[in-house]
C-alpha atoms as a PDB file:
ATOM      1  CA  MET A   1      -7.485 102.973 -30.735  1.00  0.00           C
ATOM      2  CA  TYR A   2      -7.002 106.706 -31.323  1.00  0.00           C
ATOM      3  CA  GLU A   3      -8.242 109.873 -29.695  1.00  0.00           C
ATOM      4  CA  TYR A   4      -8.742 113.119 -31.580  1.00  0.00           C
ATOM      5  CA  LYS A   5      -8.338 116.776 -30.756  1.00  0.00           C
ATOM      6  CA  PHE A   6      -9.856 119.692 -32.681  1.00  0.00           C
ATOM      7  CA  VAL A   7      -8.366 123.181 -32.375  1.00  0.00           C
ATOM      8  CA  ARG A   8     -10.477 125.999 -33.833  1.00  0.00           C
ATOM      9  CA  VAL A   9      -8.653 128.971 -35.355  1.00  0.00           C
ATOM     10  CA  SER A  10     -10.841 131.973 -36.147  1.00  0.00           C
ATOM     11  CA  LEU A  11     -10.142 134.062 -39.224  1.00  0.00           C
ATOM     12  CA  ASP A  12     -10.056 137.824 -38.837  1.00  0.00           C
ATOM     13  CA  ARG A  13     -11.330 139.358 -42.046  1.00  0.00           C
ATOM     14  CA  GLY A  14      -9.870 142.731 -42.891  1.00  0.00           C
ATOM     15  CA  LEU A  15     -10.550 145.004 -45.804  1.00  0.00           C
ATOM     16  CA  LEU A  16      -7.884 143.488 -48.055  1.00  0.00           C
ATOM     17  CA  GLU A  17      -6.981 140.179 -46.426  1.00  0.00           C
ATOM     18  CA  THR A  18      -8.029 137.463 -44.005  1.00  0.00           C
ATOM     19  CA  ARG A  19      -5.673 136.300 -41.262  1.00  0.00           C
ATOM     20  CA  PRO A  20      -5.854 133.546 -38.650  1.00  0.00           C
ATOM     21  CA  ASP A  21      -6.128 134.886 -35.090  1.00  0.00           C
ATOM     22  CA  MET A  22      -3.503 132.340 -33.914  1.00  0.00           C
ATOM     23  CA  ASP A  23      -0.243 131.129 -35.447  1.00  0.00           C
ATOM     24  CA  TYR A  24      -1.223 127.689 -36.749  1.00  0.00           C
ATOM     25  CA  ARG A  25       2.426 126.664 -37.170  1.00  0.00           C
ATOM     26  CA  ARG A  26       3.009 127.213 -33.461  1.00  0.00           C
ATOM     27  CA  ILE A  27      -0.144 125.230 -32.628  1.00  0.00           C
ATOM     28  CA  VAL A  28       1.087 122.251 -34.690  1.00  0.00           C
ATOM     29  CA  ASP A  29       4.538 122.409 -33.044  1.00  0.00           C
ATOM     30  CA  ASN A  30       3.063 122.614 -29.546  1.00  0.00           C
ATOM     31  CA  GLN A  31       0.674 119.715 -30.149  1.00  0.00           C
ATOM     32  CA  ALA A  32       3.514 117.584 -31.552  1.00  0.00           C
ATOM     33  CA  ARG A  33       5.424 118.097 -28.304  1.00  0.00           C
ATOM     34  CA  GLU A  34       2.430 116.561 -26.522  1.00  0.00           C
ATOM     35  CA  CYS A  35       2.506 113.513 -28.870  1.00  0.00           C
ATOM     36  CA  TRP A  36      -0.409 114.663 -31.055  1.00  0.00           C
ATOM     37  CA  ARG A  37       0.008 113.983 -34.772  1.00  0.00           C
ATOM     38  CA  PHE A  38      -1.347 116.581 -37.186  1.00  0.00           C
ATOM     39  CA  VAL A  39      -3.974 114.996 -39.470  1.00  0.00           C
ATOM     40  CA  GLN A  40      -5.828 117.694 -41.388  1.00  0.00           C
ATOM     41  CA  ILE A  41      -7.055 121.272 -41.669  1.00  0.00           C
ATOM     42  CA  PHE A  42     -10.833 121.412 -42.043  1.00  0.00           C
ATOM     43  CA  SER A  43     -12.878 124.504 -42.864  1.00  0.00           C
ATOM     44  CA  PRO A  44     -16.499 123.655 -42.063  1.00  0.00           C
ATOM     45  CA  SER A  45     -18.220 127.035 -42.143  1.00  0.00           C
ATOM     46  CA  VAL A  46     -18.877 129.465 -44.953  1.00  0.00           C
ATOM     47  CA  THR A  47     -20.403 132.856 -44.211  1.00  0.00           C
ATOM     48  CA  ALA A  48     -22.120 134.970 -46.866  1.00  0.00           C
ATOM     49  CA  HIS A  49     -20.699 138.455 -47.291  1.00  0.00           C
ATOM     50  CA  ILE A  50     -21.993 140.793 -49.983  1.00  0.00           C
ATOM     51  CA  GLY A  51     -22.818 137.986 -52.374  1.00  0.00           C
ATOM     52  CA  ALA A  52     -19.600 136.050 -51.789  1.00  0.00           C
ATOM     53  CA  GLY A  53     -18.841 133.318 -49.287  1.00  0.00           C
ATOM     54  CA  TYR A  54     -15.775 133.138 -47.099  1.00  0.00           C
ATOM     55  CA  ASP A  55     -14.586 130.927 -44.272  1.00  0.00           C
ATOM     56  CA  SER A  56     -14.865 132.350 -40.764  1.00  0.00           C
ATOM     57  CA  TYR A  57     -12.644 129.706 -39.132  1.00  0.00           C
ATOM     58  CA  PHE A  58     -10.801 126.461 -39.701  1.00  0.00           C
ATOM     59  CA  GLU A  59     -10.018 123.543 -37.431  1.00  0.00           C
ATOM     60  CA  LEU A  60      -6.738 121.741 -37.019  1.00  0.00           C
ATOM     61  CA  ILE A  61      -7.294 118.041 -36.390  1.00  0.00           C
ATOM     62  CA  PHE A  62      -4.827 115.979 -34.373  1.00  0.00           C
ATOM     63  CA  GLU A  63      -4.736 112.345 -33.316  1.00  0.00           C
ATOM     64  CA  ARG A  64      -2.740 110.186 -30.978  1.00  0.00           C
ATOM     65  CA  GLU A  65      -2.823 106.565 -30.015  1.00  0.00           C
ATOM     66  CA  VAL A  66      -4.524 105.690 -26.735  1.00  0.00           C
ATOM     67  CA  LYS A  67      -2.375 103.317 -24.739  1.00  0.00           C
ATOM     68  CA  ASP A  68      -4.161 100.690 -22.659  1.00  0.00           C
END
């Protein structure tokens, strides 16, 4: 059996670019040290902005085996 962890990373939208508010590479490294395995990046939300859509956040998904 596995357990899952979801870490939300907000995206700060500037005039010319969008940046994550946290360093996702550091998050993956830190979670790996705690025996979490990176599974996927998921971007569930799209926000309308002047006729165009953009993501406001993404989630990093991790899993690890639950030991009995």
